[in-house]
C-alpha cells in the first residue's frame, strides 16, 4: 500500500468513525426513547437537502468555519485559545459601532468595518498572549476570563447608549448603511438552479470564509512563519534551539488567531441585522473549538466539519415539526462525534508514531549493515 494512500486513509478514518459511532449511539438513544431512528434520520436528510435549507446550512457553516480556523491557528502552536467567543463578540461590537458611525464610499466602508473587527479581535487575543509571555499566565485561564470581561463587562456597559427607550431588549448599535453591508450571493446559486424561495439569502460572508481558508492554508503550509509556528507547537525546545523565538511565536499565534476570530460575527453584522443587537448569535467561539478538533486543524477538514455541524443544527428543527424524534438528539450526536473523534485521533496518532519508529529502526539497521 502506498505510503501517501495509507496516511490519507488513517486521516479519514478518524472522523468517519466518529460519525458512524454517533449514528449508532443516537439510534440506540432514539430506540430507548420510543422513536424510530430511520424515520428521524430520513426526515433530517430530506429536509436538509432542500435548496432553501442548504442556503441556511451554508450561512450557519460560515461563522463556524471562521471560528474553527481561528481556534486551529492556536492549536497548531499548541495554544488553547478558548477566547474566540470574546474575541469575535468584541470585534463584531466595535466593528458595528464604528461602521454605523461613519459612511464611506462603496467598498471602503466594508473594508473599514472588516479591518476594525480584525484589529479589535487581534488586540483582545494579544492581551492573553502578552499575559502568557510576560507573566506566565496560562492562556486557557486568561482567555476564559477575558470572555467574561468582554461579554459581561465591556459590551454590556457600552451598549447602554444605544437603548431605544423601550428597554434593553431593543438595544443595538446604529444601523450600518448599505455601502458597508455584504451583498448576498443568490445570483451565483441561481445561475445553476432555480430561484431561492422563502426570502433566503446566501450571505456574502461565504467569500470571506473562503479567503480566510486560503490565507490559513498558505500561512501554515507555505510560509516560513507557518513552519516556525508548527515547529514551536510540536517541539518548543528544538524550535528554540533552531533560532525560533518562542515568546514571539506565542504572540503572533494569538494575534493572528484573534484577528481571524474578529471576522466570525460578520454574517450577523453585515448580512442579517446590519448592526450589533440582542439577537447577535452567541456560542460560535466554543463551537469553533469542536469544529477545529473534528477537522484536525486542516483548512479542508474544518470546512467539512463546519458543514456537518451546520447540517445537524439546521435539520434538527424538522424533528419537532414531524414529531419523529426530539431535536435534542442533535446535541447528543454532536457530543458523540467530538468525543469519538478525539479518541480516534489519538489512536491514529499512536499508529503513526509506531510507523515512524519502525521506519527509523529500519533505516538505522540499513545504515549499520
Protein backbone atom coordinates (compact mmCIF):
# COMPACT_ATOMS: atom_id res chain seq x y z
CA UNK A 1 0.00 0.00 0.00
CA UNK A 2 1.50 3.40 -0.98
CA UNK A 3 2.58 5.49 1.98
CA UNK A 4 0.55 8.57 0.94
CA UNK A 5 -2.59 6.49 0.46
CA UNK A 6 -2.14 4.84 3.85
CA UNK A 7 -1.70 8.24 5.51
CA UNK A 8 -4.83 9.54 3.80
CA UNK A 9 -6.85 6.53 4.95
CA UNK A 10 -5.69 6.98 8.54
CA UNK A 11 -6.61 10.68 8.39
CA UNK A 12 -10.09 10.00 7.02
CA UNK A 13 -10.74 7.01 9.28
CA UNK A 14 -10.96 9.02 12.49
CA UNK A 15 -13.78 11.47 11.54
CA UNK A 16 -15.59 8.73 9.60
CA UNK A 17 -15.50 6.50 12.69
CA UNK A 18 -16.80 9.36 14.80
CA UNK A 19 -19.80 9.93 12.52
CA UNK A 20 -20.63 6.21 12.36
CA UNK A 21 -20.48 5.84 16.14
CA UNK A 22 -22.65 8.95 16.54
CA UNK A 23 -25.28 7.47 14.23
CA UNK A 24 -25.24 4.12 16.02
CA UNK A 25 -25.37 5.55 19.53
CA UNK A 26 -28.02 8.11 18.57
CA UNK A 27 -30.09 5.33 17.03
CA UNK A 28 -29.90 3.43 20.31
CA UNK A 29 -30.98 6.51 22.25
CA UNK A 30 -33.90 7.06 19.88
CA UNK A 31 -34.98 3.43 20.22
CA UNK A 32 -34.88 3.67 24.01
CA UNK A 33 -36.97 6.86 23.79
CA UNK A 34 -39.57 5.08 21.65
CA UNK A 35 -38.66 6.81 18.35
CA UNK A 36 -37.79 5.27 15.02
CA UNK A 37 -34.20 6.30 14.14
CA UNK A 38 -34.72 5.56 10.44
CA UNK A 39 -37.68 7.94 10.28
CA UNK A 40 -35.80 10.62 12.23
CA UNK A 41 -32.68 10.49 10.08
CA UNK A 42 -34.76 10.32 6.90
CA UNK A 43 -36.66 13.45 7.93
CA UNK A 44 -33.39 15.27 8.65
CA UNK A 45 -31.88 14.21 5.33
CA UNK A 46 -34.95 15.11 3.29
CA UNK A 47 -35.33 18.49 4.97
CA UNK A 48 -31.60 19.27 4.93
CA UNK A 49 -31.31 18.72 1.16
CA UNK A 50 -33.90 21.33 0.21
CA UNK A 51 -32.36 24.31 -1.57
CA UNK A 52 -33.62 26.85 0.96
CA UNK A 53 -32.32 24.80 3.87
CA UNK A 54 -28.97 24.26 2.16
CA UNK A 55 -28.63 28.04 1.99
CA UNK A 56 -29.30 28.16 5.72
CA UNK A 57 -26.70 25.44 6.25
CA UNK A 58 -24.07 27.42 4.33
CA UNK A 59 -24.91 30.57 6.29
CA UNK A 60 -24.53 28.66 9.56
CA UNK A 61 -21.34 26.94 8.41
CA UNK A 62 -19.56 30.20 7.50
CA UNK A 63 -19.12 31.56 11.06
CA UNK A 64 -18.43 28.05 12.36
CA UNK A 65 -15.68 27.66 9.78
CA UNK A 66 -14.04 31.01 10.54
CA UNK A 67 -14.27 30.26 14.26
CA UNK A 68 -12.75 26.84 13.68
CA UNK A 69 -9.85 28.34 11.71
CA UNK A 70 -9.25 30.89 14.49
CA UNK A 71 -9.02 28.08 17.03
CA UNK A 72 -6.89 25.98 14.68
CA UNK A 73 -4.19 28.67 14.46
CA UNK A 74 -3.72 28.38 18.21
CA UNK A 75 -3.86 24.59 18.18
CA UNK A 76 -1.09 24.47 15.56
CA UNK A 77 1.08 26.37 18.03
CA UNK A 78 -0.09 24.07 20.87
CA UNK A 79 -2.02 27.02 22.32
CA UNK A 80 -5.60 26.63 23.52
CA UNK A 81 -7.31 29.84 22.54
CA UNK A 82 -10.58 29.39 24.42
CA UNK A 83 -11.25 33.11 23.98
CA UNK A 84 -12.60 33.09 20.42
CA UNK A 85 -16.05 33.71 21.93
CA UNK A 86 -15.00 37.00 23.49
CA UNK A 87 -12.75 37.98 20.59
CA UNK A 88 -15.43 37.67 17.93
CA UNK A 89 -18.02 39.37 20.13
CA UNK A 90 -15.72 42.30 20.80
CA UNK A 91 -14.72 42.50 17.13
CA UNK A 92 -18.34 42.43 15.97
CA UNK A 93 -19.49 45.01 18.52
CA UNK A 94 -16.81 47.61 17.80
CA UNK A 95 -16.95 46.98 14.05
CA UNK A 96 -20.72 47.50 14.07
CA UNK A 97 -20.41 50.63 16.21
CA UNK A 98 -17.67 52.09 14.01
CA UNK A 99 -19.44 51.08 10.78
CA UNK A 100 -22.68 52.68 11.91
CA UNK A 101 -20.95 55.89 12.98
CA UNK A 102 -19.44 56.78 9.61
CA UNK A 103 -20.25 56.46 5.92
CA UNK A 104 -17.53 55.80 3.36
CA UNK A 105 -17.84 55.34 -0.38
CA UNK A 106 -18.53 51.84 -1.64
CA UNK A 107 -16.04 49.12 -0.84
CA UNK A 108 -14.04 51.33 1.55
CA UNK A 109 -16.87 51.26 4.09
CA UNK A 110 -17.00 47.47 4.09
CA UNK A 111 -13.21 47.19 4.22
CA UNK A 112 -13.11 49.62 7.16
CA UNK A 113 -15.59 47.50 9.13
CA UNK A 114 -13.68 44.29 8.45
CA UNK A 115 -10.37 45.88 9.48
CA UNK A 116 -11.88 47.19 12.72
CA UNK A 117 -13.24 43.71 13.53
CA UNK A 118 -9.86 42.11 12.91
CA UNK A 119 -7.88 44.71 14.84
CA UNK A 120 -10.15 44.52 17.89
CA UNK A 121 -10.10 40.71 17.85
CA UNK A 122 -6.31 40.71 17.50
CA UNK A 123 -5.87 43.16 20.37
CA UNK A 124 -8.17 41.18 22.67
CA UNK A 125 -6.36 37.93 21.88
CA UNK A 126 -3.00 39.69 22.06
CA UNK A 127 -3.76 40.63 25.65
CA UNK A 128 -3.94 36.94 26.54
CA UNK A 129 -0.72 36.34 24.61
CA UNK A 130 1.04 39.13 26.50
CA UNK A 131 -0.12 37.72 29.83
CA UNK A 132 1.38 34.37 28.86
CA UNK A 133 4.78 35.59 27.65
CA UNK A 134 5.21 38.40 30.19
CA UNK A 135 3.59 36.96 33.30
CA UNK A 136 3.37 33.23 32.60
CA UNK A 137 -0.44 33.17 32.81
CA UNK A 138 -1.88 30.07 31.16
CA UNK A 139 -3.79 31.06 28.02
CA UNK A 140 -6.76 28.83 28.91
CA UNK A 141 -7.35 30.75 32.14
CA UNK A 142 -6.71 34.19 30.68
CA UNK A 143 -8.90 33.69 27.60
CA UNK A 144 -11.79 32.33 29.66
CA UNK A 145 -11.58 35.33 31.97
CA UNK A 146 -11.36 37.69 29.00
CA UNK A 147 -14.53 36.08 27.62
CA UNK A 148 -16.42 37.08 30.76
CA UNK A 149 -14.93 40.57 30.71
CA UNK A 150 -15.86 41.06 27.05
CA UNK A 151 -19.42 39.74 27.22
CA UNK A 152 -20.44 40.65 30.73
CA UNK A 153 -18.39 43.79 31.13
CA UNK A 154 -17.30 45.81 28.14
CA UNK A 155 -20.15 45.10 25.72
CA UNK A 156 -22.82 45.11 28.42
CA UNK A 157 -21.67 48.55 29.57
CA UNK A 158 -21.03 50.16 26.19
CA UNK A 159 -24.29 49.07 24.57
CA UNK A 160 -26.31 51.17 27.05
CA UNK A 161 -26.18 54.39 24.96
CA UNK A 162 -27.91 52.58 22.08
CA UNK A 163 -31.00 51.61 24.05
CA UNK A 164 -34.06 52.94 22.29
CA UNK A 165 -36.11 53.82 25.36
CA UNK A 166 -38.17 50.64 25.26
CA UNK A 167 -35.83 48.55 27.36
CA UNK A 168 -32.64 46.59 26.98
CA UNK A 169 -34.31 44.00 24.75
CA UNK A 170 -34.20 46.57 21.97
CA UNK A 171 -30.58 47.54 22.48
CA UNK A 172 -28.38 47.71 19.44
CA UNK A 173 -25.81 49.81 17.65
CA UNK A 174 -26.74 52.22 14.91
CA UNK A 175 -27.68 50.60 11.60
CA UNK A 176 -24.87 50.35 9.07
CA UNK A 177 -25.50 51.98 5.70
CA UNK A 178 -25.85 49.72 2.65
CA UNK A 179 -22.36 50.65 1.49
CA UNK A 180 -20.95 48.76 4.49
CA UNK A 181 -23.01 45.58 4.09
CA UNK A 182 -22.11 42.37 2.29
CA UNK A 183 -24.23 41.68 -0.81
CA UNK A 184 -25.95 38.30 -0.98
CA UNK A 185 -24.78 35.58 -3.34
CA UNK A 186 -28.20 34.37 -4.52
CA UNK A 187 -27.33 35.35 -8.07
CA UNK A 188 -24.47 32.84 -8.02
CA UNK A 189 -26.68 29.93 -7.00
CA UNK A 190 -29.44 30.93 -9.38
CA UNK A 191 -27.03 30.51 -12.32
CA UNK A 192 -27.13 26.76 -11.70
CA UNK A 193 -30.52 26.20 -10.11
CA UNK A 194 -33.96 27.71 -9.54
CA UNK A 195 -34.67 30.91 -7.68
CA UNK A 196 -34.16 30.63 -3.94
CA UNK A 197 -37.52 30.97 -2.25
CA UNK A 198 -38.80 31.81 1.23
CA UNK A 199 -36.71 35.01 1.42
CA UNK A 200 -33.49 33.05 1.92
CA UNK A 201 -30.25 34.88 1.15
CA UNK A 202 -26.84 33.27 0.82
CA UNK A 203 -24.54 35.54 2.81
CA UNK A 204 -21.65 37.21 1.03
CA UNK A 205 -19.59 36.23 4.09
CA UNK A 206 -19.12 32.89 2.31
CA UNK A 207 -16.48 34.62 0.15
CA UNK A 208 -14.86 35.90 3.34
CA UNK A 209 -14.70 32.35 4.72
CA UNK A 210 -13.07 31.08 1.52
CA UNK A 211 -10.43 33.82 1.70
CA UNK A 212 -9.78 33.00 5.37
CA UNK A 213 -9.32 29.33 4.49
CA UNK A 214 -6.87 30.13 1.68
CA UNK A 215 -4.93 32.51 3.92
CA UNK A 216 -4.74 29.89 6.68
CA UNK A 217 -3.53 27.17 4.31
CA UNK A 218 -0.85 29.39 2.80
CA UNK A 219 0.23 30.69 6.19
CA UNK A 220 0.56 27.29 7.86
CA UNK A 221 1.80 25.19 4.96
CA UNK A 222 3.53 27.56 2.55
CA UNK A 223 5.30 30.18 4.66
CA UNK A 224 8.33 30.41 6.93
CA UNK A 225 6.14 31.81 9.70
CA UNK A 226 3.82 28.82 9.44
CA UNK A 227 6.77 26.43 9.64
CA UNK A 228 8.03 28.22 12.74
CA UNK A 229 4.57 28.05 14.32
CA UNK A 230 4.23 24.34 13.66
CA UNK A 231 7.77 23.67 14.83
CA UNK A 232 7.19 25.59 18.06
CA UNK A 233 3.96 23.71 18.63
CA UNK A 234 5.49 20.26 18.08
CA UNK A 235 8.75 20.80 19.97
CA UNK A 236 9.34 24.21 21.56
CA UNK A 237 12.83 23.35 22.82
CA UNK A 238 14.04 22.13 19.43
CA UNK A 239 12.47 25.14 17.70
CA UNK A 240 14.18 27.50 20.15
CA UNK A 241 17.50 25.77 19.52
CA UNK A 242 16.89 26.30 15.81
CA UNK A 243 16.53 30.05 16.30
CA UNK A 244 12.75 30.36 16.59
CA UNK A 245 11.86 32.86 19.36
CA UNK A 246 9.15 31.13 21.47
CA UNK A 247 7.63 34.27 23.00
CA UNK A 248 7.35 35.96 19.64
CA UNK A 249 5.64 32.86 18.21
CA UNK A 250 3.11 32.84 21.07
CA UNK A 251 2.24 36.48 20.47
CA UNK A 252 1.99 36.04 16.71
CA UNK A 253 -0.20 32.95 17.02
CA UNK A 254 -2.58 34.66 19.44
CA UNK A 255 -2.77 37.86 17.39
CA UNK A 256 -3.44 36.01 14.13
CA UNK A 257 -5.99 33.77 15.84
CA UNK A 258 -7.73 36.81 17.32
CA UNK A 259 -7.74 38.69 14.02
CA UNK A 260 -9.47 35.77 12.32
CA UNK A 261 -11.85 35.42 15.27
CA UNK A 262 -12.88 39.04 14.82
CA UNK A 263 -14.47 38.07 11.49
CA UNK A 264 -16.75 35.36 12.95
CA UNK A 265 -19.62 37.75 13.62
CA UNK A 266 -19.69 39.27 10.15
CA UNK A 267 -22.61 37.08 9.00
CA UNK A 268 -24.72 38.65 11.73
CA UNK A 269 -23.40 42.19 11.44
CA UNK A 270 -23.02 42.62 7.69
CA UNK A 271 -25.69 40.26 6.35
CA UNK A 272 -28.51 39.58 8.80
CA UNK A 273 -29.02 42.56 11.07
CA UNK A 274 -26.76 45.36 9.87
CA UNK A 275 -25.90 46.14 13.48
CA UNK A 276 -24.96 44.55 16.80
CA UNK A 277 -28.09 43.85 18.82
CA UNK A 278 -29.51 41.42 21.36
CA UNK A 279 -30.15 38.86 18.62
CA UNK A 280 -26.43 38.53 17.99
CA UNK A 281 -25.55 34.83 17.73
CA UNK A 282 -23.66 33.54 20.80
CA UNK A 283 -21.68 30.33 21.28
CA UNK A 284 -19.84 30.30 17.95
CA UNK A 285 -16.45 30.58 19.61
CA UNK A 286 -16.90 27.42 21.68
CA UNK A 287 -18.47 25.60 18.72
CA UNK A 288 -15.45 26.55 16.64
CA UNK A 289 -13.19 24.63 19.01
CA UNK A 290 -15.19 21.46 18.33
CA UNK A 291 -15.15 22.18 14.59
CA UNK A 292 -11.36 22.62 14.61
CA UNK A 293 -10.80 19.41 16.59
CA UNK A 294 -13.01 17.35 14.28
CA UNK A 295 -11.40 18.93 11.22
CA UNK A 296 -7.89 18.18 12.52
CA UNK A 297 -6.92 21.85 12.14
CA UNK A 298 -6.81 21.39 8.37
CA UNK A 299 -8.43 24.03 6.16
CA UNK A 300 -10.47 21.48 4.19
CA UNK A 301 -11.18 19.26 7.19
CA UNK A 302 -12.53 22.22 9.16
CA UNK A 303 -14.80 23.05 6.21
CA UNK A 304 -16.36 19.57 6.22
CA UNK A 305 -16.68 19.70 9.99
CA UNK A 306 -18.42 23.09 9.87
CA UNK A 307 -20.83 21.85 7.20
CA UNK A 308 -21.64 18.75 9.27
CA UNK A 309 -22.37 20.74 12.42
CA UNK A 310 -24.38 23.28 10.41
CA UNK A 311 -26.40 20.48 8.77
CA UNK A 312 -27.21 18.92 12.12
CA UNK A 313 -28.22 22.28 13.55
CA UNK A 314 -30.36 23.34 10.58
CA UNK A 315 -32.08 19.99 10.04
CA UNK A 316 -32.93 19.42 13.69
CA UNK A 317 -35.88 21.83 13.51
CA UNK A 318 -37.82 19.43 11.31
CA UNK A 319 -37.83 16.79 14.06
CA UNK A 320 -40.02 18.96 16.25
CA UNK A 321 -42.45 19.53 13.38
CA UNK A 322 -42.73 15.89 12.33
CA UNK A 323 -42.54 14.54 15.87
CA UNK A 324 -40.28 11.70 14.72
CA UNK A 325 -37.73 12.48 17.44
CA UNK A 326 -36.66 15.10 19.94
CA UNK A 327 -34.45 17.86 18.47
CA UNK A 328 -32.09 17.33 21.42
CA UNK A 329 -30.83 14.19 19.68
CA UNK A 330 -28.73 16.50 17.52
CA UNK A 331 -26.88 17.80 20.58
CA UNK A 332 -26.20 14.19 21.58
CA UNK A 333 -24.87 13.45 18.10
CA UNK A 334 -22.58 16.48 18.15
CA UNK A 335 -21.18 15.48 21.54
CA UNK A 336 -20.61 11.88 20.49
CA UNK A 337 -18.93 12.93 17.24
CA UNK A 338 -16.50 15.13 19.13
CA UNK A 339 -15.79 12.58 21.86
CA UNK A 340 -15.20 9.68 19.47
CA UNK A 341 -13.15 11.89 17.14
CA UNK A 342 -10.75 12.84 19.94
CA UNK A 343 -10.32 9.18 20.91
CA UNK A 344 -9.95 8.08 17.28
CA UNK A 345 -7.40 10.78 16.51
CA UNK A 346 -5.30 9.73 19.50
CA UNK A 347 -5.47 6.13 18.30
CA UNK A 348 -4.41 7.18 14.79
CA UNK A 349 -1.55 9.28 16.17
CA UNK A 350 -0.22 6.26 18.06
CA UNK A 351 -0.33 4.18 14.88
CA UNK A 352 1.59 6.89 13.02
CA UNK A 353 4.17 7.15 15.83
CA UNK A 354 4.73 3.38 15.75
CA UNK A 355 5.13 3.53 11.97
CA UNK A 356 7.68 6.35 12.24
CA UNK A 357 9.59 4.40 14.90
CA UNK A 358 9.56 1.27 12.74
CA UNK A 359 10.86 3.14 9.69
CA UNK A 360 13.57 4.81 11.77
CA UNK A 361 14.67 1.42 13.11
CA UNK A 362 14.83 0.01 9.61
CA UNK A 363 16.90 2.99 8.47
CA UNK A 364 19.36 2.51 11.36
CA UNK A 365 19.65 -1.19 10.65
CA UNK A 366 20.29 -0.46 6.99
CA UNK A 367 23.00 2.05 7.87
CA UNK A 368 24.71 -0.40 10.24
CA UNK A 369 24.68 -3.09 7.59
